[in-house]
Amino acid sequence: MNVKKSKSPAKPDVESLPAPYVAYARLKEMVYRGELAAGERLVERDLSRRLSISRIPLREALIRLQTEGLVRSVRNTASYVVDFAPRDLLEIYSMRRLIEPFAARLAAKRITPETLGALRELCAKMTKFSGRTADWPKLDECDYEFHRTIVQASQHSRLIRAYDISQIRILGTRDEYRYLQTAAPDAMAVEHLALVDILASGDADKAERSIYD
């Protein structure tokens, strides 16, 4: 198995980054978590107070979210959280089905021991959030982080960028986590852990086939 020994770079502390990025990251997370609902009007004064940030970086953040398709701006009126239509969600899902298998194929040859460890930790979290009263939002978050970690492990910069701008994480909240409820919650961790073992084996063909088996 061809395994690189370099460590994965640590994630930067969001709060230590420039104010426009902090506002952008926090607003994006609020949209993904449904704290800012689809179609909701974004009032700068209220958001500025809620995020404890000034209006200038807030506006920069809203412009960035608009270019990414999460916010729409109506001229001379206000900005709103985009309310994705069923067709939009279908397109987002189809992008996921296209990108993730190819990413898994590449990752099987390039993944590091550190990344394999991170994937196993996410599987452990899936087990924690499973059970009779499954925490669907937490499971959805783990599932997204798991698959995005594999995409990052592909080391294919354009593939990673395509994944990020496809707004794949929005699927969970917009679909009310129905895609997770088609199987027993505890099965999720087992299936994902099996994929980790395939990636660790370096079998690219099997990794590509297994991503959605």
Protein backbone atom coordinates (compact mmCIF):
# COMPACT_ATOMS: atom_id res chain seq x y z
CA MET A 1 0.00 0.00 0.00
CA ASN A 2 1.35 3.42 -0.95
CA VAL A 3 0.95 5.51 2.21
CA LYS A 4 2.35 8.97 2.75
CA LYS A 5 3.76 9.76 6.16
CA SER A 6 3.11 13.49 6.16
CA LYS A 7 0.61 14.75 8.66
CA SER A 8 -2.64 16.37 7.62
CA PRO A 9 -2.61 20.14 8.19
CA ALA A 10 -4.45 21.29 11.30
CA LYS A 11 -7.66 23.24 10.78
CA PRO A 12 -7.25 26.94 11.58
CA ASP A 13 -9.19 28.46 14.44
CA VAL A 14 -12.00 30.31 12.65
CA GLU A 15 -12.23 33.03 15.30
CA SER A 16 -8.56 33.95 14.75
CA LEU A 17 -9.13 34.68 11.05
CA PRO A 18 -10.11 38.09 9.54
CA ALA A 19 -13.54 39.40 10.52
CA PRO A 20 -15.16 38.97 7.06
CA TYR A 21 -14.18 35.29 7.01
CA VAL A 22 -15.40 34.77 10.59
CA ALA A 23 -18.78 36.27 9.63
CA TYR A 24 -18.87 34.19 6.45
CA ALA A 25 -18.02 30.92 8.22
CA ARG A 26 -20.53 31.48 11.02
CA LEU A 27 -23.36 32.52 8.70
CA LYS A 28 -22.71 29.54 6.44
CA GLU A 29 -22.84 27.20 9.42
CA MET A 30 -26.13 28.78 10.53
CA VAL A 31 -27.61 28.15 7.07
CA TYR A 32 -26.40 24.56 7.04
CA ARG A 33 -27.81 23.89 10.50
CA GLY A 34 -31.16 25.47 9.64
CA GLU A 35 -30.68 28.26 12.19
CA LEU A 36 -31.27 30.60 9.27
CA ALA A 37 -34.27 29.08 7.53
CA ALA A 38 -34.84 28.75 3.80
CA GLY A 39 -36.40 31.95 2.51
CA GLU A 40 -35.59 33.89 5.69
CA ARG A 41 -34.86 37.60 5.27
CA LEU A 42 -31.38 38.52 6.46
CA VAL A 43 -31.53 41.78 8.40
CA GLU A 44 -28.02 43.21 8.74
CA ARG A 45 -28.74 45.01 12.00
CA ASP A 46 -30.02 41.84 13.67
CA LEU A 47 -27.23 39.64 12.30
CA SER A 48 -24.59 42.17 13.33
CA ARG A 49 -25.90 42.08 16.88
CA ARG A 50 -26.33 38.31 16.88
CA LEU A 51 -22.78 37.66 15.67
CA SER A 52 -21.21 40.57 17.58
CA ILE A 53 -19.61 41.82 14.38
CA SER A 54 -19.71 45.14 12.53
CA ARG A 55 -21.78 45.73 9.41
CA ILE A 56 -18.87 46.05 6.94
CA PRO A 57 -17.43 42.51 7.36
CA LEU A 58 -21.00 41.22 7.59
CA ARG A 59 -21.79 42.69 4.16
CA GLU A 60 -18.64 41.15 2.72
CA ALA A 61 -19.71 37.80 4.12
CA LEU A 62 -23.19 38.11 2.59
CA ILE A 63 -21.69 38.94 -0.81
CA ARG A 64 -19.50 35.85 -0.60
CA LEU A 65 -22.47 33.66 0.35
CA GLN A 66 -24.39 35.17 -2.56
CA THR A 67 -21.65 34.16 -5.02
CA GLU A 68 -21.79 30.62 -3.59
CA GLY A 69 -25.54 30.41 -4.09
CA LEU A 70 -26.61 30.23 -0.44
CA VAL A 71 -27.95 33.79 -0.30
CA ARG A 72 -29.89 35.78 -2.87
CA SER A 73 -30.07 39.55 -2.93
CA VAL A 74 -33.07 41.50 -4.20
CA ARG A 75 -31.95 44.91 -5.41
CA ASN A 76 -32.89 47.84 -3.16
CA THR A 77 -34.70 45.54 -0.72
CA ALA A 78 -32.91 42.79 1.22
CA SER A 79 -30.99 39.52 1.18
CA TYR A 80 -32.60 36.13 1.77
CA VAL A 81 -31.48 32.57 2.45
CA VAL A 82 -31.95 30.62 -0.77
CA ASP A 83 -34.90 28.25 -0.73
CA PHE A 84 -33.65 25.36 -2.86
CA ALA A 85 -36.24 23.83 -5.15
CA PRO A 86 -36.56 20.02 -5.47
CA ARG A 87 -34.70 20.22 -8.79
CA ASP A 88 -31.81 22.02 -7.07
CA LEU A 89 -31.57 19.31 -4.41
CA LEU A 90 -31.63 16.61 -7.08
CA GLU A 91 -28.75 18.31 -8.89
CA ILE A 92 -26.77 18.65 -5.64
CA TYR A 93 -27.32 14.97 -4.88
CA SER A 94 -26.25 13.98 -8.39
CA MET A 95 -23.02 15.96 -7.93
CA ARG A 96 -22.38 14.01 -4.75
CA ARG A 97 -22.90 10.71 -6.57
CA LEU A 98 -20.45 11.78 -9.26
CA ILE A 99 -17.68 13.23 -7.11
CA GLU A 100 -17.46 10.91 -4.11
CA PRO A 101 -16.78 7.58 -5.92
CA PHE A 102 -13.94 9.10 -7.95
CA ALA A 103 -12.57 10.78 -4.82
CA ALA A 104 -12.62 7.43 -3.00
CA ARG A 105 -10.66 5.84 -5.89
CA LEU A 106 -7.96 8.50 -5.62
CA ALA A 107 -7.96 8.48 -1.82
CA ALA A 108 -7.33 4.73 -1.68
CA LYS A 109 -3.88 5.40 -3.15
CA ARG A 110 -3.10 8.65 -1.36
CA ILE A 111 -4.68 8.51 2.09
CA THR A 112 -2.46 8.94 5.15
CA PRO A 113 -2.57 7.07 8.48
CA GLU A 114 -3.65 10.32 10.15
CA THR A 115 -6.63 10.65 7.81
CA LEU A 116 -7.61 7.02 8.32
CA GLY A 117 -7.54 7.71 12.06
CA ALA A 118 -9.75 10.77 11.60
CA LEU A 119 -12.26 8.69 9.61
CA ARG A 120 -12.36 6.05 12.36
CA GLU A 121 -12.99 8.77 14.94
CA LEU A 122 -15.95 9.97 12.89
CA CYS A 123 -17.29 6.39 12.82
CA ALA A 124 -17.03 6.30 16.61
CA LYS A 125 -19.05 9.51 16.77
CA MET A 126 -21.68 7.97 14.49
CA THR A 127 -22.03 5.12 16.98
CA LYS A 128 -22.35 7.64 19.80
CA PHE A 129 -25.15 9.53 18.06
CA SER A 130 -27.01 6.36 17.01
CA GLY A 131 -29.55 4.40 18.99
CA ARG A 132 -33.27 4.44 19.65
CA THR A 133 -33.33 8.23 19.76
CA ALA A 134 -30.83 8.96 17.01
CA ASP A 135 -29.47 12.49 16.79
CA TRP A 136 -30.11 12.97 13.07
CA PRO A 137 -28.45 16.41 12.76
CA LYS A 138 -25.28 15.11 14.45
CA LEU A 139 -25.28 11.97 12.29
CA ASP A 140 -25.73 14.10 9.20
CA GLU A 141 -22.80 16.28 10.25
CA CYS A 142 -20.61 13.21 10.82
CA ASP A 143 -21.63 11.75 7.46
CA TYR A 144 -20.75 14.97 5.65
CA GLU A 145 -17.41 15.32 7.45
CA PHE A 146 -16.61 11.68 6.70
CA HIS A 147 -17.19 12.01 2.98
CA ARG A 148 -15.56 15.43 2.73
CA THR A 149 -12.48 14.01 4.47
CA ILE A 150 -12.28 11.35 1.76
CA VAL A 151 -12.66 14.01 -0.93
CA GLN A 152 -9.82 15.99 0.66
CA ALA A 153 -7.73 12.81 0.84
CA SER A 154 -7.98 12.59 -2.96
CA GLN A 155 -5.53 15.52 -3.07
CA HIS A 156 -7.31 16.63 -6.26
CA SER A 157 -7.67 20.39 -5.80
CA ARG A 158 -10.33 20.95 -8.47
CA LEU A 159 -12.37 18.00 -7.28
CA ILE A 160 -12.28 19.37 -3.72
CA ARG A 161 -13.33 22.82 -4.93
CA ALA A 162 -16.20 21.36 -6.98
CA TYR A 163 -17.38 19.43 -3.93
CA ASP A 164 -17.33 22.51 -1.71
CA ILE A 165 -19.22 24.77 -4.10
CA SER A 166 -21.88 22.12 -4.79
CA GLN A 167 -23.43 22.85 -1.35
CA ILE A 168 -23.70 19.13 -0.58
CA ARG A 169 -24.07 19.74 3.13
CA ILE A 170 -27.39 21.51 2.55
CA LEU A 171 -29.05 18.20 1.63
CA GLY A 172 -29.56 17.05 5.23
CA THR A 173 -31.48 20.02 6.56
CA ARG A 174 -33.49 20.56 3.38
CA ASP A 175 -34.48 16.90 3.20
CA GLU A 176 -35.11 16.71 6.97
CA TYR A 177 -32.54 13.87 7.20
CA ARG A 178 -34.85 11.42 5.44
CA TYR A 179 -31.91 9.94 3.54
CA LEU A 180 -30.40 8.89 6.88
CA GLN A 181 -33.60 7.31 8.11
CA THR A 182 -33.79 4.70 5.36
CA ALA A 183 -31.60 2.36 7.43
CA ALA A 184 -31.04 1.66 11.11
CA PRO A 185 -28.87 4.40 12.67
CA ASP A 186 -26.32 1.93 14.05
CA ALA A 187 -25.80 0.53 10.53
CA MET A 188 -24.30 3.84 9.45
CA ALA A 189 -21.14 3.50 11.54
CA VAL A 190 -20.66 -0.14 10.50
CA GLU A 191 -20.95 0.68 6.78
CA HIS A 192 -18.63 3.66 7.00
CA LEU A 193 -16.05 1.72 9.00
CA ALA A 194 -16.05 -0.97 6.30
CA LEU A 195 -15.22 1.73 3.78
CA VAL A 196 -12.32 2.91 5.95
CA ASP A 197 -10.90 -0.62 5.88
CA ILE A 198 -11.18 -0.69 2.08
CA LEU A 199 -9.38 2.66 1.81
CA ALA A 200 -6.67 1.37 4.14
CA SER A 201 -6.19 -1.67 1.89
CA GLY A 202 -5.41 0.57 -1.09
CA ASP A 203 -7.95 -1.17 -3.34
CA ALA A 204 -9.03 1.74 -5.58
CA ASP A 205 -11.58 -0.25 -7.61
CA LYS A 206 -13.33 -1.55 -4.51
CA ALA A 207 -13.26 1.86 -2.83
CA GLU A 208 -14.97 3.44 -5.85
CA ARG A 209 -17.63 0.70 -5.99
CA SER A 210 -18.24 0.64 -2.24
CA ILE A 211 -18.90 4.34 -1.67
CA TYR A 212 -22.61 3.86 -2.41
CA ASP A 213 -23.09 0.08 -2.16
